[in-house]
Amino acid sequence: MVRDITNASKHKTFDKPKPGTDPPLIRDLNSIYECLISTKYQDSEGEFRDSHKGVFVKLLDGTERDFFEIATNVVNMWCIELHSIGVLTKPQKFEYARRREPLTRSECDMSFGLNFERAAPAQIIMKMMKYNYEKQTLEREDISGNDFKLRVYDKDTYITEARLVGPEEYVSFEIKLSHNEVKEFQSYRTDEE
């Protein structure tokens, strides 16, 4: 898999495999992608989300692998090899840093921002997930029927939106914030804050 990732990053696509080598496990460079993962959790205060980025590899058989896990396995393989030939005095093993699920509200990063450069191509891949407390596992969230809005702002312009909802009214307005105000706003964990 590491050979395929390396070849894809050098050549973008695969030529015919060399005789005596295994066929590639991935199609091309597009099989390796960065993804924004937004996971919904719940506690006594209601629903909340965590957002983080990951890098994934989509295999030809349709399965997906976490690139960080692949890289950790490769480092561990080389540590074993270097120990066996005496380069390392003691074996060393790195653990793949798996997230402890479910996360609590205080452990979550609820800020959600993407940065783009002008005229640079960009592709956004998102995974909307939710934690199933009965099964104690992560699963894909059904987002059909949801209404999403994407807003694009200049790099150094920070805008927050506040909504006031009354029995017969819906008012929405925007407030321009300084950089420090945005950092403070992103640190809030509850609706009360």
C-alpha atoms as a PDB file:
ATOM      1  CA  MET A   1       0.000   0.000   0.000  1.00  0.00           C
ATOM      2  CA  VAL A   2       2.850   2.398   0.829  1.00  0.00           C
ATOM      3  CA  ARG A   3       4.433   1.594  -2.547  1.00  0.00           C
ATOM      4  CA  ASP A   4       1.148   2.452  -4.277  1.00  0.00           C
ATOM      5  CA  ILE A   5       0.774   5.706  -2.329  1.00  0.00           C
ATOM      6  CA  THR A   6       4.343   6.682  -3.241  1.00  0.00           C
ATOM      7  CA  ASN A   7       3.877   5.792  -6.914  1.00  0.00           C
ATOM      8  CA  ALA A   8       0.578   7.654  -7.090  1.00  0.00           C
ATOM      9  CA  SER A   9       2.130  10.761  -5.551  1.00  0.00           C
ATOM     10  CA  LYS A  10       5.005  10.624  -8.068  1.00  0.00           C
ATOM     11  CA  HIS A  11       3.131   9.628 -11.215  1.00  0.00           C
ATOM     12  CA  LYS A  12      -0.547  10.466 -10.441  1.00  0.00           C
ATOM     13  CA  THR A  13      -1.668   7.309 -12.270  1.00  0.00           C
ATOM     14  CA  PHE A  14      -0.366   3.767 -12.544  1.00  0.00           C
ATOM     15  CA  ASP A  15       1.062   2.219 -15.660  1.00  0.00           C
ATOM     16  CA  LYS A  16       0.827  -1.519 -16.110  1.00  0.00           C
ATOM     17  CA  PRO A  17       2.333  -3.277 -13.074  1.00  0.00           C
ATOM     18  CA  LYS A  18       5.842  -4.607 -13.544  1.00  0.00           C
ATOM     19  CA  PRO A  19       6.065  -8.387 -13.981  1.00  0.00           C
ATOM     20  CA  GLY A  20       6.394 -10.154 -10.618  1.00  0.00           C
ATOM     21  CA  THR A  21       4.884  -7.281  -8.599  1.00  0.00           C
ATOM     22  CA  ASP A  22       1.507  -7.240  -6.920  1.00  0.00           C
ATOM     23  CA  PRO A  23      -1.221  -5.281  -8.692  1.00  0.00           C
ATOM     24  CA  PRO A  24      -1.890  -1.822  -7.210  1.00  0.00           C
ATOM     25  CA  LEU A  25      -4.365  -1.507  -4.336  1.00  0.00           C
ATOM     26  CA  ILE A  26      -5.446   2.025  -5.305  1.00  0.00           C
ATOM     27  CA  ARG A  27      -6.518   3.548  -8.615  1.00  0.00           C
ATOM     28  CA  ASP A  28      -4.574   6.840  -8.720  1.00  0.00           C
ATOM     29  CA  LEU A  29      -3.652   9.962  -6.747  1.00  0.00           C
ATOM     30  CA  ASN A  30      -7.341  10.824  -6.309  1.00  0.00           C
ATOM     31  CA  SER A  31      -7.625   7.704  -4.128  1.00  0.00           C
ATOM     32  CA  ILE A  32      -5.784   9.647  -1.402  1.00  0.00           C
ATOM     33  CA  TYR A  33      -7.777  12.508   0.018  1.00  0.00           C
ATOM     34  CA  GLU A  34      -8.154  14.861   2.942  1.00  0.00           C
ATOM     35  CA  CYS A  35     -11.535  14.798   4.608  1.00  0.00           C
ATOM     36  CA  LEU A  36     -13.293  16.954   7.171  1.00  0.00           C
ATOM     37  CA  ILE A  37     -15.144  14.782   9.698  1.00  0.00           C
ATOM     38  CA  SER A  38     -17.980  16.291  11.703  1.00  0.00           C
ATOM     39  CA  THR A  39     -19.357  14.013  14.422  1.00  0.00           C
ATOM     40  CA  LYS A  40     -22.561  14.614  16.371  1.00  0.00           C
ATOM     41  CA  TYR A  41     -22.708  13.682  20.072  1.00  0.00           C
ATOM     42  CA  GLN A  42     -25.280  14.256  22.778  1.00  0.00           C
ATOM     43  CA  ASP A  43     -25.308  14.922  26.504  1.00  0.00           C
ATOM     44  CA  SER A  44     -27.730  16.303  29.078  1.00  0.00           C
ATOM     45  CA  GLU A  45     -27.369  19.795  27.549  1.00  0.00           C
ATOM     46  CA  GLY A  46     -28.309  18.604  24.048  1.00  0.00           C
ATOM     47  CA  GLU A  47     -26.479  17.899  20.788  1.00  0.00           C
ATOM     48  CA  PHE A  48     -22.945  19.082  20.019  1.00  0.00           C
ATOM     49  CA  ARG A  49     -20.337  18.385  17.341  1.00  0.00           C
ATOM     50  CA  ASP A  50     -16.645  17.729  16.986  1.00  0.00           C
ATOM     51  CA  SER A  51     -14.811  18.582  13.763  1.00  0.00           C
ATOM     52  CA  HIS A  52     -11.399  17.336  12.716  1.00  0.00           C
ATOM     53  CA  LYS A  53      -9.485  16.524   9.542  1.00  0.00           C
ATOM     54  CA  GLY A  54      -8.204  13.156   8.431  1.00  0.00           C
ATOM     55  CA  VAL A  55      -6.377  11.725   5.421  1.00  0.00           C
ATOM     56  CA  PHE A  56      -7.835   8.563   3.898  1.00  0.00           C
ATOM     57  CA  VAL A  57      -6.928   6.059   1.194  1.00  0.00           C
ATOM     58  CA  LYS A  58      -9.743   4.517  -0.880  1.00  0.00           C
ATOM     59  CA  LEU A  59      -8.785   1.002  -2.024  1.00  0.00           C
ATOM     60  CA  LEU A  60      -9.949  -0.640  -5.244  1.00  0.00           C
ATOM     61  CA  ASP A  61     -12.097  -3.074  -3.243  1.00  0.00           C
ATOM     62  CA  GLY A  62     -14.104  -0.101  -1.919  1.00  0.00           C
ATOM     63  CA  THR A  63     -12.694  -0.107   1.616  1.00  0.00           C
ATOM     64  CA  GLU A  64     -11.119   2.946   3.206  1.00  0.00           C
ATOM     65  CA  ARG A  65      -7.969   3.169   5.320  1.00  0.00           C
ATOM     66  CA  ASP A  66      -6.759   5.934   7.605  1.00  0.00           C
ATOM     67  CA  PHE A  67      -3.411   7.184   6.281  1.00  0.00           C
ATOM     68  CA  PHE A  68      -2.118   7.943   9.795  1.00  0.00           C
ATOM     69  CA  GLU A  69      -2.696   4.313  10.777  1.00  0.00           C
ATOM     70  CA  ILE A  70      -0.815   3.129   7.665  1.00  0.00           C
ATOM     71  CA  ALA A  71       2.103   5.474   8.418  1.00  0.00           C
ATOM     72  CA  THR A  72       2.224   4.316  12.062  1.00  0.00           C
ATOM     73  CA  ASN A  73       2.379   0.671  10.931  1.00  0.00           C
ATOM     74  CA  VAL A  74       5.261   1.468   8.564  1.00  0.00           C
ATOM     75  CA  VAL A  75       7.252   3.270  11.288  1.00  0.00           C
ATOM     76  CA  ASN A  76       6.719   0.295  13.631  1.00  0.00           C
ATOM     77  CA  MET A  77       7.829  -2.162  10.927  1.00  0.00           C
ATOM     78  CA  TRP A  78      11.053  -0.197  10.433  1.00  0.00           C
ATOM     79  CA  CYS A  79      11.666  -0.016  14.200  1.00  0.00           C
ATOM     80  CA  ILE A  80      11.447  -3.835  14.375  1.00  0.00           C
ATOM     81  CA  GLU A  81      13.754  -4.171  11.371  1.00  0.00           C
ATOM     82  CA  LEU A  82      16.317  -1.693  12.756  1.00  0.00           C
ATOM     83  CA  HIS A  83      16.248  -3.432  16.147  1.00  0.00           C
ATOM     84  CA  SER A  84      16.796  -6.850  14.510  1.00  0.00           C
ATOM     85  CA  ILE A  85      20.003  -5.653  12.819  1.00  0.00           C
ATOM     86  CA  GLY A  86      21.268  -3.849  15.931  1.00  0.00           C
ATOM     87  CA  VAL A  87      20.723  -0.231  14.882  1.00  0.00           C
ATOM     88  CA  LEU A  88      18.209   0.308  17.710  1.00  0.00           C
ATOM     89  CA  THR A  89      19.192  -1.018  21.149  1.00  0.00           C
ATOM     90  CA  LYS A  90      15.624  -1.701  22.251  1.00  0.00           C
ATOM     91  CA  PRO A  91      12.439  -2.301  20.276  1.00  0.00           C
ATOM     92  CA  GLN A  92      10.188   0.696  20.038  1.00  0.00           C
ATOM     93  CA  LYS A  93       6.489   0.643  19.180  1.00  0.00           C
ATOM     94  CA  PHE A  94       4.322   3.644  18.411  1.00  0.00           C
ATOM     95  CA  GLU A  95       0.605   3.406  19.062  1.00  0.00           C
ATOM     96  CA  TYR A  96      -1.861   4.635  16.509  1.00  0.00           C
ATOM     97  CA  ALA A  97      -3.617   7.480  18.313  1.00  0.00           C
ATOM     98  CA  ARG A  98      -7.217   6.343  18.178  1.00  0.00           C
ATOM     99  CA  ARG A  99      -9.844   8.699  19.494  1.00  0.00           C
ATOM    100  CA  ARG A 100     -11.572   7.602  22.669  1.00  0.00           C
ATOM    101  CA  GLU A 101     -15.274   7.488  21.849  1.00  0.00           C
ATOM    102  CA  PRO A 102     -17.582   9.052  22.730  1.00  0.00           C
ATOM    103  CA  LEU A 103     -16.005  12.464  23.220  1.00  0.00           C
ATOM    104  CA  THR A 104     -17.356  14.798  25.875  1.00  0.00           C
ATOM    105  CA  ARG A 105     -18.427  18.358  25.129  1.00  0.00           C
ATOM    106  CA  SER A 106     -15.217  19.736  26.676  1.00  0.00           C
ATOM    107  CA  GLU A 107     -13.051  17.433  24.498  1.00  0.00           C
ATOM    108  CA  CYS A 108     -14.669  18.543  21.240  1.00  0.00           C
ATOM    109  CA  ASP A 109     -13.411  21.119  18.775  1.00  0.00           C
ATOM    110  CA  MET A 110     -16.607  22.821  17.668  1.00  0.00           C
ATOM    111  CA  SER A 111     -14.927  25.391  15.458  1.00  0.00           C
ATOM    112  CA  PHE A 112     -15.450  24.722  11.805  1.00  0.00           C
ATOM    113  CA  GLY A 113     -13.348  26.655   9.313  1.00  0.00           C
ATOM    114  CA  LEU A 114     -11.746  25.990   5.962  1.00  0.00           C
ATOM    115  CA  ASN A 115      -9.068  28.160   4.369  1.00  0.00           C
ATOM    116  CA  PHE A 116      -8.631  28.487   0.614  1.00  0.00           C
ATOM    117  CA  GLU A 117      -6.153  30.346  -1.559  1.00  0.00           C
ATOM    118  CA  ARG A 118      -7.467  32.504  -4.394  1.00  0.00           C
ATOM    119  CA  ALA A 119      -7.357  30.742  -7.801  1.00  0.00           C
ATOM    120  CA  ALA A 120      -6.125  27.476  -6.258  1.00  0.00           C
ATOM    121  CA  PRO A 121      -8.205  24.389  -7.024  1.00  0.00           C
ATOM    122  CA  ALA A 122     -10.033  23.020  -4.005  1.00  0.00           C
ATOM    123  CA  GLN A 123     -12.108  19.980  -3.249  1.00  0.00           C
ATOM    124  CA  ILE A 124     -14.095  19.613  -0.042  1.00  0.00           C
ATOM    125  CA  ILE A 125     -14.896  16.121   1.159  1.00  0.00           C
ATOM    126  CA  MET A 126     -16.906  15.877   4.353  1.00  0.00           C
ATOM    127  CA  LYS A 127     -18.089  12.975   6.432  1.00  0.00           C
ATOM    128  CA  MET A 128     -21.095  13.650   8.625  1.00  0.00           C
ATOM    129  CA  MET A 129     -21.001  11.130  11.461  1.00  0.00           C
ATOM    130  CA  LYS A 130     -22.913  10.508  14.674  1.00  0.00           C
ATOM    131  CA  TYR A 131     -22.150   8.476  17.746  1.00  0.00           C
ATOM    132  CA  ASN A 132     -24.675   5.701  18.404  1.00  0.00           C
ATOM    133  CA  TYR A 133     -24.817   5.440  22.197  1.00  0.00           C
ATOM    134  CA  GLU A 134     -26.800   2.162  22.140  1.00  0.00           C
ATOM    135  CA  LYS A 135     -24.327   0.346  19.858  1.00  0.00           C
ATOM    136  CA  GLN A 136     -21.332   2.331  21.202  1.00  0.00           C
ATOM    137  CA  THR A 137     -20.031   2.986  17.721  1.00  0.00           C
ATOM    138  CA  LEU A 138     -19.669   5.737  15.122  1.00  0.00           C
ATOM    139  CA  GLU A 139     -21.967   5.606  12.117  1.00  0.00           C
ATOM    140  CA  ARG A 140     -22.742   7.793   9.142  1.00  0.00           C
ATOM    141  CA  GLU A 141     -25.384  10.430   9.779  1.00  0.00           C
ATOM    142  CA  ASP A 142     -28.369  10.621   7.441  1.00  0.00           C
ATOM    143  CA  ILE A 143     -28.288  14.217   6.191  1.00  0.00           C
ATOM    144  CA  SER A 144     -30.968  13.897   3.531  1.00  0.00           C
ATOM    145  CA  GLY A 145     -33.531  16.645   3.916  1.00  0.00           C
ATOM    146  CA  ASN A 146     -31.133  18.962   5.779  1.00  0.00           C
ATOM    147  CA  ASP A 147     -30.554  22.519   4.582  1.00  0.00           C
ATOM    148  CA  PHE A 148     -26.864  23.488   4.464  1.00  0.00           C
ATOM    149  CA  LYS A 149     -25.455  26.947   3.794  1.00  0.00           C
ATOM    150  CA  LEU A 150     -21.900  27.728   2.744  1.00  0.00           C
ATOM    151  CA  ARG A 151     -20.597  31.252   3.146  1.00  0.00           C
ATOM    152  CA  VAL A 152     -17.263  32.515   1.876  1.00  0.00           C
ATOM    153  CA  TYR A 153     -15.492  35.498   3.452  1.00  0.00           C
ATOM    154  CA  ASP A 154     -12.215  37.322   2.870  1.00  0.00           C
ATOM    155  CA  LYS A 155      -9.393  35.791   4.889  1.00  0.00           C
ATOM    156  CA  ASP A 156      -9.195  38.432   7.607  1.00  0.00           C
ATOM    157  CA  THR A 157     -12.940  39.089   7.914  1.00  0.00           C
ATOM    158  CA  TYR A 158     -14.653  37.241  10.733  1.00  0.00           C
ATOM    159  CA  ILE A 159     -18.426  37.230  10.820  1.00  0.00           C
ATOM    160  CA  THR A 160     -20.768  35.456  13.188  1.00  0.00           C
ATOM    161  CA  GLU A 161     -24.475  35.051  12.672  1.00  0.00           C
ATOM    162  CA  ALA A 162     -27.025  35.417  15.448  1.00  0.00           C
ATOM    163  CA  ARG A 163     -30.617  34.278  15.109  1.00  0.00           C
ATOM    164  CA  LEU A 164     -33.502  35.468  17.243  1.00  0.00           C
ATOM    165  CA  VAL A 165     -36.604  33.327  17.101  1.00  0.00           C
ATOM    166  CA  GLY A 166     -39.937  34.442  18.553  1.00  0.00           C
ATOM    167  CA  PRO A 167     -43.442  33.022  18.287  1.00  0.00           C
ATOM    168  CA  GLU A 168     -44.098  34.842  14.999  1.00  0.00           C
ATOM    169  CA  GLU A 169     -40.687  36.137  13.971  1.00  0.00           C
ATOM    170  CA  TYR A 170     -37.326  35.048  12.660  1.00  0.00           C
ATOM    171  CA  VAL A 171     -34.614  37.699  12.613  1.00  0.00           C
ATOM    172  CA  SER A 172     -31.060  37.061  11.432  1.00  0.00           C
ATOM    173  CA  PHE A 173     -28.184  39.539  11.510  1.00  0.00           C
ATOM    174  CA  GLU A 174     -24.411  39.467  11.159  1.00  0.00           C
ATOM    175  CA  ILE A 175     -21.789  40.933  13.501  1.00  0.00           C
ATOM    176  CA  LYS A 176     -18.213  41.586  12.384  1.00  0.00           C
ATOM    177  CA  LEU A 177     -15.699  40.284  14.970  1.00  0.00           C
ATOM    178  CA  SER A 178     -12.010  40.931  15.545  1.00  0.00           C
ATOM    179  CA  HIS A 179      -9.549  38.021  15.487  1.00  0.00           C
ATOM    180  CA  ASN A 180      -9.416  37.910  19.320  1.00  0.00           C
ATOM    181  CA  GLU A 181     -13.210  37.981  19.556  1.00  0.00           C
ATOM    182  CA  VAL A 182     -13.420  35.022  17.164  1.00  0.00           C
ATOM    183  CA  LYS A 183     -10.939  33.021  19.262  1.00  0.00           C
ATOM    184  CA  GLU A 184     -13.004  33.751  22.361  1.00  0.00           C
ATOM    185  CA  PHE A 185     -16.265  32.880  20.561  1.00  0.00           C
ATOM    186  CA  GLN A 186     -14.805  29.542  19.368  1.00  0.00           C
ATOM    187  CA  SER A 187     -13.803  28.660  22.928  1.00  0.00           C
ATOM    188  CA  TYR A 188     -17.429  28.686  24.103  1.00  0.00           C
ATOM    189  CA  ARG A 189     -18.833  25.212  24.705  1.00  0.00           C
ATOM    190  CA  THR A 190     -22.465  25.833  25.655  1.00  0.00           C
ATOM    191  CA  ASP A 191     -25.364  27.911  24.345  1.00  0.00           C
ATOM    192  CA  GLU A 192     -25.333  29.855  27.609  1.00  0.00           C
ATOM    193  CA  GLU A 193     -21.716  30.908  27.071  1.00  0.00           C
END
